[in-house]
PDB file of N, CA and C in Angstrom:
ATOM      1  N   MET A   1      76.962-120.128  23.066  1.00  0.00           N
ATOM      2  CA  MET A   1      75.751-119.850  23.814  1.00  0.00           C
ATOM      3  C   MET A   1      75.958-118.460  24.588  1.00  0.00           C
ATOM      4  N   ASP A   2      76.780-117.848  24.198  1.00  0.00           N
ATOM      5  CA  ASP A   2      77.250-116.732  25.001  1.00  0.00           C
ATOM      6  C   ASP A   2      76.255-115.671  23.507  1.00  0.00           C
ATOM      7  N   GLU A   3      76.658-115.790  22.373  1.00  0.00           N
ATOM      8  CA  GLU A   3      76.583-115.168  20.999  1.00  0.00           C
ATOM      9  C   GLU A   3      74.784-115.378  20.996  1.00  0.00           C
ATOM     10  N   PHE A   4      74.270-116.893  21.375  1.00  0.00           N
ATOM     11  CA  PHE A   4      72.655-117.337  21.375  1.00  0.00           C
ATOM     12  C   PHE A   4      70.838-116.842  22.275  1.00  0.00           C
ATOM     13  N   LEU A   5      72.088-116.544  23.881  1.00  0.00           N
ATOM     14  CA  LEU A   5      70.941-115.989  24.976  1.00  0.00           C
ATOM     15  C   LEU A   5      70.344-114.289  25.174  1.00  0.00           C
ATOM     16  N   PRO A   6      72.198-113.557  24.293  1.00  0.00           N
ATOM     17  CA  PRO A   6      71.383-112.097  24.271  1.00  0.00           C
ATOM     18  C   PRO A   6      70.618-112.291  23.322  1.00  0.00           C
ATOM     19  N   ALA A   7      70.890-112.739  22.302  1.00  0.00           N
ATOM     20  CA  ALA A   7      69.700-112.499  20.934  1.00  0.00           C
ATOM     21  C   ALA A   7      68.399-113.095  21.669  1.00  0.00           C
ATOM     22  N   LEU A   8      67.680-113.803  22.408  1.00  0.00           N
ATOM     23  CA  LEU A   8      66.671-113.726  22.926  1.00  0.00           C
ATOM     24  C   LEU A   8      65.331-113.022  23.253  1.00  0.00           C
ATOM     25  N   GLN A   9      66.339-112.125  23.896  1.00  0.00           N
ATOM     26  CA  GLN A   9      65.809-110.881  24.437  1.00  0.00           C
ATOM     27  C   GLN A   9      66.461-109.169  23.615  1.00  0.00           C
ATOM     28  N   GLU A  10      65.161-109.012  22.369  1.00  0.00           N
ATOM     29  CA  GLU A  10      65.499-108.000  21.567  1.00  0.00           C
ATOM     30  C   GLU A  10      65.047-106.751  22.587  1.00  0.00           C
ATOM     31  N   LYS A  11      65.948-105.460  21.904  1.00  0.00           N
ATOM     32  CA  LYS A  11      65.470-104.311  22.030  1.00  0.00           C
ATOM     33  C   LYS A  11      64.985-103.236  21.815  1.00  0.00           C
ATOM     34  N   GLN A  12      65.052-104.267  21.008  1.00  0.00           N
ATOM     35  CA  GLN A  12      63.720-102.999  19.554  1.00  0.00           C
ATOM     36  C   GLN A  12      62.685-103.465  19.657  1.00  0.00           C
ATOM     37  N   LYS A  13      61.999-103.908  20.540  1.00  0.00           N
ATOM     38  CA  LYS A  13      60.238-104.177  20.541  1.00  0.00           C
ATOM     39  C   LYS A  13      60.016-103.567  20.379  1.00  0.00           C
ATOM     40  N   TRP A  14      59.496-101.457  20.100  1.00  0.00           N
ATOM     41  CA  TRP A  14      58.753-101.054  19.965  1.00  0.00           C
ATOM     42  C   TRP A  14      58.758-100.810  18.234  1.00  0.00           C
ATOM     43  N   PHE A  15      59.580-101.193  17.959  1.00  0.00           N
ATOM     44  CA  PHE A  15      59.700-101.179  16.274  1.00  0.00           C
ATOM     45  C   PHE A  15      58.825-101.354  15.480  1.00  0.00           C
ATOM     46  N   ARG A  16      57.997-102.873  15.814  1.00  0.00           N
ATOM     47  CA  ARG A  16      57.274-103.450  15.211  1.00  0.00           C
ATOM     48  C   ARG A  16      56.560-104.060  15.990  1.00  0.00           C
ATOM     49  N   PRO A  17      55.648-105.156  15.800  1.00  0.00           N
ATOM     50  CA  PRO A  17      54.437-105.683  16.497  1.00  0.00           C
ATOM     51  C   PRO A  17      55.852-107.241  17.229  1.00  0.00           C
ATOM     52  N   TYR A  18      54.688-107.763  18.495  1.00  0.00           N
ATOM     53  CA  TYR A  18      55.347-108.869  18.815  1.00  0.00           C
ATOM     54  C   TYR A  18      54.377-109.536  19.545  1.00  0.00           C
ATOM     55  N   ARG A  19      53.853-110.708  19.658  1.00  0.00           N
ATOM     56  CA  ARG A  19      53.803-111.189  20.142  1.00  0.00           C
ATOM     57  C   ARG A  19      53.657-111.640  22.363  1.00  0.00           C
ATOM     58  N   ASN A  20      52.667-111.407  22.507  1.00  0.00           N
ATOM     59  CA  ASN A  20      52.487-111.129  23.881  1.00  0.00           C
ATOM     60  C   ASN A  20      53.042-113.066  25.044  1.00  0.00           C
ATOM     61  N   LEU A  21      53.556-112.727  26.316  1.00  0.00           N
ATOM     62  CA  LEU A  21      53.794-113.921  26.581  1.00  0.00           C
ATOM     63  C   LEU A  21      52.257-114.999  26.760  1.00  0.00           C
ATOM     64  N   ALA A  22      52.268-115.747  26.924  1.00  0.00           N
ATOM     65  CA  ALA A  22      51.277-116.242  26.594  1.00  0.00           C
ATOM     66  C   ALA A  22      51.269-117.316  27.837  1.00  0.00           C
ATOM     67  N   VAL A  23      50.043-117.669  28.541  1.00  0.00           N
ATOM     68  CA  VAL A  23      50.296-119.230  29.358  1.00  0.00           C
ATOM     69  C   VAL A  23      50.921-120.145  28.621  1.00  0.00           C
ATOM     70  N   GLY A  24      52.087-121.227  29.807  1.00  0.00           N
ATOM     71  CA  GLY A  24      52.777-121.910  28.975  1.00  0.00           C
ATOM     72  C   GLY A  24      54.013-121.762  28.238  1.00  0.00           C
ATOM     73  N   ASP A  25      54.410-121.110  27.928  1.00  0.00           N
ATOM     74  CA  ASP A  25      55.418-120.253  26.687  1.00  0.00           C
ATOM     75  C   ASP A  25      56.493-120.574  27.732  1.00  0.00           C
ATOM     76  N   LEU A  26      57.557-120.867  27.534  1.00  0.00           N
ATOM     77  CA  LEU A  26      59.072-121.503  28.145  1.00  0.00           C
ATOM     78  C   LEU A  26      60.139-120.137  28.618  1.00  0.00           C
ATOM     79  N   VAL A  27      60.156-119.787  28.957  1.00  0.00           N
ATOM     80  CA  VAL A  27      61.096-118.443  29.334  1.00  0.00           C
ATOM     81  C   VAL A  27      62.532-118.946  30.252  1.00  0.00           C
ATOM     82  N   LEU A  28      63.320-117.759  30.002  1.00  0.00           N
ATOM     83  CA  LEU A  28      64.614-118.089  30.624  1.00  0.00           C
ATOM     84  C   LEU A  28      64.425-116.413  31.570  1.00  0.00           C
ATOM     85  N   ILE A  29      64.414-116.309  33.289  1.00  0.00           N
ATOM     86  CA  ILE A  29      63.969-115.513  34.322  1.00  0.00           C
ATOM     87  C   ILE A  29      65.773-114.710  33.947  1.00  0.00           C
ATOM     88  N   ALA A  30      65.673-113.568  33.762  1.00  0.00           N
ATOM     89  CA  ALA A  30      67.005-113.221  33.498  1.00  0.00           C
ATOM     90  C   ALA A  30      67.419-112.404  35.611  1.00  0.00           C
ATOM     91  N   ASP A  31      68.175-112.293  35.071  1.00  0.00           N
ATOM     92  CA  ASP A  31      69.285-111.963  36.472  1.00  0.00           C
ATOM     93  C   ASP A  31      70.544-111.528  36.780  1.00  0.00           C
ATOM     94  N   GLN A  32      70.367-110.361  36.783  1.00  0.00           N
ATOM     95  CA  GLN A  32      71.444-109.594  36.286  1.00  0.00           C
ATOM     96  C   GLN A  32      72.725-110.237  37.314  1.00  0.00           C
ATOM     97  N   HIS A  33      72.125-111.000  38.212  1.00  0.00           N
ATOM     98  CA  HIS A  33      73.429-111.338  39.635  1.00  0.00           C
ATOM     99  C   HIS A  33      73.698-112.931  39.108  1.00  0.00           C
ATOM    100  N   CYS A  34      73.758-112.918  38.373  1.00  0.00           N
ATOM    101  CA  CYS A  34      74.243-114.211  37.483  1.00  0.00           C
ATOM    102  C   CYS A  34      74.570-114.258  36.185  1.00  0.00           C
ATOM    103  N   PRO A  35      75.009-115.283  35.269  1.00  0.00           N
ATOM    104  CA  PRO A  35      76.302-115.788  34.409  1.00  0.00           C
ATOM    105  C   PRO A  35      74.798-115.754  33.351  1.00  0.00           C
ATOM    106  N   ARG A  36      74.285-115.328  32.794  1.00  0.00           N
ATOM    107  CA  ARG A  36      73.098-115.958  31.406  1.00  0.00           C
ATOM    108  C   ARG A  36      72.732-117.124  31.258  1.00  0.00           C
ATOM    109  N   GLY A  37      74.273-118.210  30.955  1.00  0.00           N
ATOM    110  CA  GLY A  37      74.184-119.208  30.844  1.00  0.00           C
ATOM    111  C   GLY A  37      73.470-119.950  32.585  1.00  0.00           C
ATOM    112  N   GLN A  38      73.733-119.029  33.383  1.00  0.00           N
ATOM    113  CA  GLN A  38      72.779-119.411  34.472  1.00  0.00           C
ATOM    114  C   GLN A  38      71.095-119.305  35.248  1.00  0.00           C
ATOM    115  N   TRP A  39      70.546-118.854  33.759  1.00  0.00           N
ATOM    116  CA  TRP A  39      69.469-117.817  34.420  1.00  0.00           C
ATOM    117  C   TRP A  39      68.039-118.749  34.855  1.00  0.00           C
ATOM    118  N   GLN A  40      66.977-118.818  36.215  1.00  0.00           N
ATOM    119  CA  GLN A  40      66.427-119.868  35.598  1.00  0.00           C
ATOM    120  C   GLN A  40      65.175-119.854  34.416  1.00  0.00           C
ATOM    121  N   MET A  41      65.151-121.522  33.895  1.00  0.00           N
ATOM    122  CA  MET A  41      64.079-121.179  33.182  1.00  0.00           C
ATOM    123  C   MET A  41      62.829-121.830  34.238  1.00  0.00           C
ATOM    124  N   ALA A  42      61.593-121.946  33.418  1.00  0.00           N
ATOM    125  CA  ALA A  42      61.016-121.479  34.069  1.00  0.00           C
ATOM    126  C   ALA A  42      59.169-121.703  32.970  1.00  0.00           C
ATOM    127  N   THR A  43      58.661-121.579  32.995  1.00  0.00           N
ATOM    128  CA  THR A  43      56.926-121.660  32.661  1.00  0.00           C
ATOM    129  C   THR A  43      55.792-120.694  32.701  1.00  0.00           C
ATOM    130  N   VAL A  44      55.398-120.182  32.261  1.00  0.00           N
ATOM    131  CA  VAL A  44      54.468-118.734  32.596  1.00  0.00           C
ATOM    132  C   VAL A  44      53.146-119.569  33.074  1.00  0.00           C
ATOM    133  N   GLU A  45      52.689-119.433  34.224  1.00  0.00           N
ATOM    134  CA  GLU A  45      51.293-120.127  34.363  1.00  0.00           C
ATOM    135  C   GLU A  45      50.253-118.918  34.245  1.00  0.00           C
ATOM    136  N   GLU A  46      50.437-117.808  34.653  1.00  0.00           N
ATOM    137  CA  GLU A  46      49.519-116.277  34.780  1.00  0.00           C
ATOM    138  C   GLU A  46      49.986-115.452  34.077  1.00  0.00           C
ATOM    139  N   VAL A  47      49.582-114.610  33.193  1.00  0.00           N
ATOM    140  CA  VAL A  47      49.670-113.022  32.909  1.00  0.00           C
ATOM    141  C   VAL A  47      48.878-112.336  33.201  1.00  0.00           C
ATOM    142  N   MET A  48      49.491-111.228  33.409  1.00  0.00           N
ATOM    143  CA  MET A  48      48.302-109.854  34.334  1.00  0.00           C
ATOM    144  C   MET A  48      48.677-108.859  33.483  1.00  0.00           C
ATOM    145  N   ALA A  49      47.510-108.219  32.736  1.00  0.00           N
ATOM    146  CA  ALA A  49      47.500-107.312  31.887  1.00  0.00           C
ATOM    147  C   ALA A  49      46.201-105.735  32.999  1.00  0.00           C
ATOM    148  N   ASP A  50      47.065-104.308  32.881  1.00  0.00           N
ATOM    149  CA  ASP A  50      46.496-103.291  32.298  1.00  0.00           C
ATOM    150  C   ASP A  50      44.983-103.436  31.982  1.00  0.00           C
ATOM    151  N   CYS A  51      44.416-102.468  31.799  1.00  0.00           N
ATOM    152  CA  CYS A  51      43.110-102.091  31.003  1.00  0.00           C
ATOM    153  C   CYS A  51      43.370-102.289  29.790  1.00  0.00           C
ATOM    154  N   ASN A  52      44.457-102.119  29.517  1.00  0.00           N
ATOM    155  CA  ASN A  52      44.005-101.304  28.645  1.00  0.00           C
ATOM    156  C   ASN A  52      44.912-102.719  26.875  1.00  0.00           C
ATOM    157  N   GLY A  53      45.024-104.009  28.085  1.00  0.00           N
ATOM    158  CA  GLY A  53      45.682-104.994  27.512  1.00  0.00           C
ATOM    159  C   GLY A  53      46.941-105.293  27.325  1.00  0.00           C
ATOM    160  N   HIS A  54      47.632-104.884  27.076  1.00  0.00           N
ATOM    161  CA  HIS A  54      49.648-104.184  27.673  1.00  0.00           C
ATOM    162  C   HIS A  54      49.886-105.232  29.108  1.00  0.00           C
ATOM    163  N   LEU A  55      50.271-106.039  28.721  1.00  0.00           N
ATOM    164  CA  LEU A  55      50.963-106.645  29.983  1.00  0.00           C
ATOM    165  C   LEU A  55      52.601-106.419  30.429  1.00  0.00           C
ATOM    166  N   HIS A  56      52.401-106.900  32.092  1.00  0.00           N
ATOM    167  CA  HIS A  56      53.869-105.816  32.886  1.00  0.00           C
ATOM    168  C   HIS A  56      53.497-106.646  33.998  1.00  0.00           C
ATOM    169  N   GLN A  57      53.438-108.096  34.108  1.00  0.00           N
ATOM    170  CA  GLN A  57      53.782-109.014  34.938  1.00  0.00           C
ATOM    171  C   GLN A  57      53.267-110.308  34.324  1.00  0.00           C
ATOM    172  N   ALA A  58      53.885-111.277  35.232  1.00  0.00           N
ATOM    173  CA  ALA A  58      53.653-112.572  35.331  1.00  0.00           C
ATOM    174  C   ALA A  58      53.704-113.613  35.955  1.00  0.00           C
ATOM    175  N   THR A  59      53.417-114.388  36.377  1.00  0.00           N
ATOM    176  CA  THR A  59      53.031-115.430  37.005  1.00  0.00           C
ATOM    177  C   THR A  59      54.441-116.111  36.526  1.00  0.00           C
ATOM    178  N   VAL A  60      55.587-116.819  36.955  1.00  0.00           N
ATOM    179  CA  VAL A  60      55.997-117.885  36.540  1.00  0.00           C
ATOM    180  C   VAL A  60      55.808-119.450  37.032  1.00  0.00           C
ATOM    181  N   ARG A  61      56.381-120.162  36.850  1.00  0.00           N
ATOM    182  CA  ARG A  61      56.791-122.170  37.715  1.00  0.00           C
ATOM    183  C   ARG A  61      58.261-122.527  37.099  1.00  0.00           C
ATOM    184  N   THR A  62      59.405-122.570  38.190  1.00  0.00           N
ATOM    185  CA  THR A  62      60.845-122.854  37.933  1.00  0.00           C
ATOM    186  C   THR A  62      60.542-124.096  38.773  1.00  0.00           C
ATOM    187  N   ALA A  63      61.094-124.444  38.497  1.00  0.00           N
ATOM    188  CA  ALA A  63      61.497-125.977  38.987  1.00  0.00           C
ATOM    189  C   ALA A  63      62.311-126.176  40.901  1.00  0.00           C
ATOM    190  N   ARG A  64      61.394-124.982  41.640  1.00  0.00           N
ATOM    191  CA  ARG A  64      61.399-124.796  42.910  1.00  0.00           C
ATOM    192  C   ARG A  64      60.715-124.308  43.486  1.00  0.00           C
ATOM    193  N   CYS A  65      60.230-123.373  42.643  1.00  0.00           N
ATOM    194  CA  CYS A  65      58.601-122.193  42.801  1.00  0.00           C
ATOM    195  C   CYS A  65      58.411-121.969  42.349  1.00  0.00           C
ATOM    196  N   THR A  66      57.157-120.591  42.765  1.00  0.00           N
ATOM    197  CA  THR A  66      56.772-119.522  41.705  1.00  0.00           C
ATOM    198  C   THR A  66      56.847-118.415  42.249  1.00  0.00           C
ATOM    199  N   LEU A  67      57.197-117.808  40.891  1.00  0.00           N
ATOM    200  CA  LEU A  67      57.177-116.266  41.319  1.00  0.00           C
ATOM    201  C   LEU A  67      56.775-115.217  40.347  1.00  0.00           C
ATOM    202  N   THR A  68      56.916-114.001  40.662  1.00  0.00           N
ATOM    203  CA  THR A  68      55.636-112.772  39.940  1.00  0.00           C
ATOM    204  C   THR A  68      56.839-112.293  39.876  1.00  0.00           C
ATOM    205  N   ARG A  69      57.460-111.798  38.047  1.00  0.00           N
ATOM    206  CA  ARG A  69      58.320-110.768  38.366  1.00  0.00           C
ATOM    207  C   ARG A  69      57.804-110.201  36.231  1.00  0.00           C
ATOM    208  N   ASP A  70      58.259-109.199  36.543  1.00  0.00           N
ATOM    209  CA  ASP A  70      57.843-108.490  35.373  1.00  0.00           C
ATOM    210  C   ASP A  70      58.585-109.133  34.167  1.00  0.00           C
ATOM    211  N   ILE A  71      57.597-108.325  32.822  1.00  0.00           N
ATOM    212  CA  ILE A  71      58.142-109.129  31.628  1.00  0.00           C
ATOM    213  C   ILE A  71      58.975-108.584  30.831  1.00  0.00           C
ATOM    214  N   ARG A  72      60.337-107.542  31.810  1.00  0.00           N
ATOM    215  CA  ARG A  72      60.557-107.310  30.558  1.00  0.00           C
ATOM    216  C   ARG A  72      62.260-108.109  31.411  1.00  0.00           C
ATOM    217  N   THR A  73      61.911-108.885  32.351  1.00  0.00           N
ATOM    218  CA  THR A  73      62.848-110.018  32.632  1.00  0.00           C
ATOM    219  C   THR A  73      62.789-111.356  32.629  1.00  0.00           C
ATOM    220  N   LEU A  74      61.874-111.186  31.838  1.00  0.00           N
ATOM    221  CA  LEU A  74      61.765-112.938  30.838  1.00  0.00           C
ATOM    222  C   LEU A  74      61.890-112.535  29.629  1.00  0.00           C
ATOM    223  N   CYS A  75      62.331-114.086  28.873  1.00  0.00           N
ATOM    224  CA  CYS A  75      63.267-113.673  27.528  1.00  0.00           C
ATOM    225  C   CYS A  75      62.629-115.250  27.256  1.00  0.00           C
ATOM    226  N   LEU A  76      61.781-115.214  25.979  1.00  0.00           N
ATOM    227  CA  LEU A  76      61.134-115.891  25.936  1.00  0.00           C
ATOM    228  C   LEU A  76      61.920-117.788  24.722  1.00  0.00           C
ATOM    229  N   ILE A  77      61.249-118.022  25.430  1.00  0.00           N
ATOM    230  CA  ILE A  77      62.429-119.592  24.384  1.00  0.00           C
ATOM    231  C   ILE A  77      61.274-120.090  23.419  1.00  0.00           C
ATOM    232  N   GLU A  78      60.470-120.436  23.770  1.00  0.00           N
ATOM    233  CA  GLU A  78      59.688-121.377  23.519  1.00  0.00           C
ATOM    234  C   GLU A  78      57.745-121.264  23.478  1.00  0.00           C
ATOM    235  N   ALA A  79      57.050-120.622  22.356  1.00  0.00           N
ATOM    236  CA  ALA A  79      56.227-120.685  22.458  1.00  0.00           C
ATOM    237  C   ALA A  79      55.452-121.210  23.048  1.00  0.00           C
ATOM    238  N   ALA A  80      53.433-121.403  22.963  1.00  0.00           N
ATOM    239  CA  ALA A  80      53.384-122.407  23.890  1.00  0.00           C
ATOM    240  C   ALA A  80      52.591-123.352  22.586  1.00  0.00           C
ATOM    241  N   SER A  81      52.394-124.197  22.717  1.00  0.00           N
ATOM    242  CA  SER A  81      51.594-124.653  20.905  1.00  0.00           C
ATOM    243  C   SER A  81      49.691-124.519  21.246  1.00  0.00           C
ATOM    244  N   ALA A  82      49.704-124.099  20.471  1.00  0.00           N
ATOM    245  CA  ALA A  82      48.642-123.439  19.791  1.00  0.00           C
ATOM    246  C   ALA A  82      46.971-124.536  20.155  1.00  0.00           C
TER     247      ALA A  82
END
């Protein structure tokens, strides 16, 4: 588990095209105040893009509440089925 979670969040995202987050995706919410194994799991409810189509924020639903987070703090676990 210690090696799997860091591999979810790639550092080289600008070197090749990648899929944007979409409604229904399952994500982990990265939190610097708790260990990776305790990050909250959430489902993407809404994505917010700028005029160029670049995503900056997403509204996610956890088991307890709904939050708005920067997409840099979200790690995709499983893409929504098309």
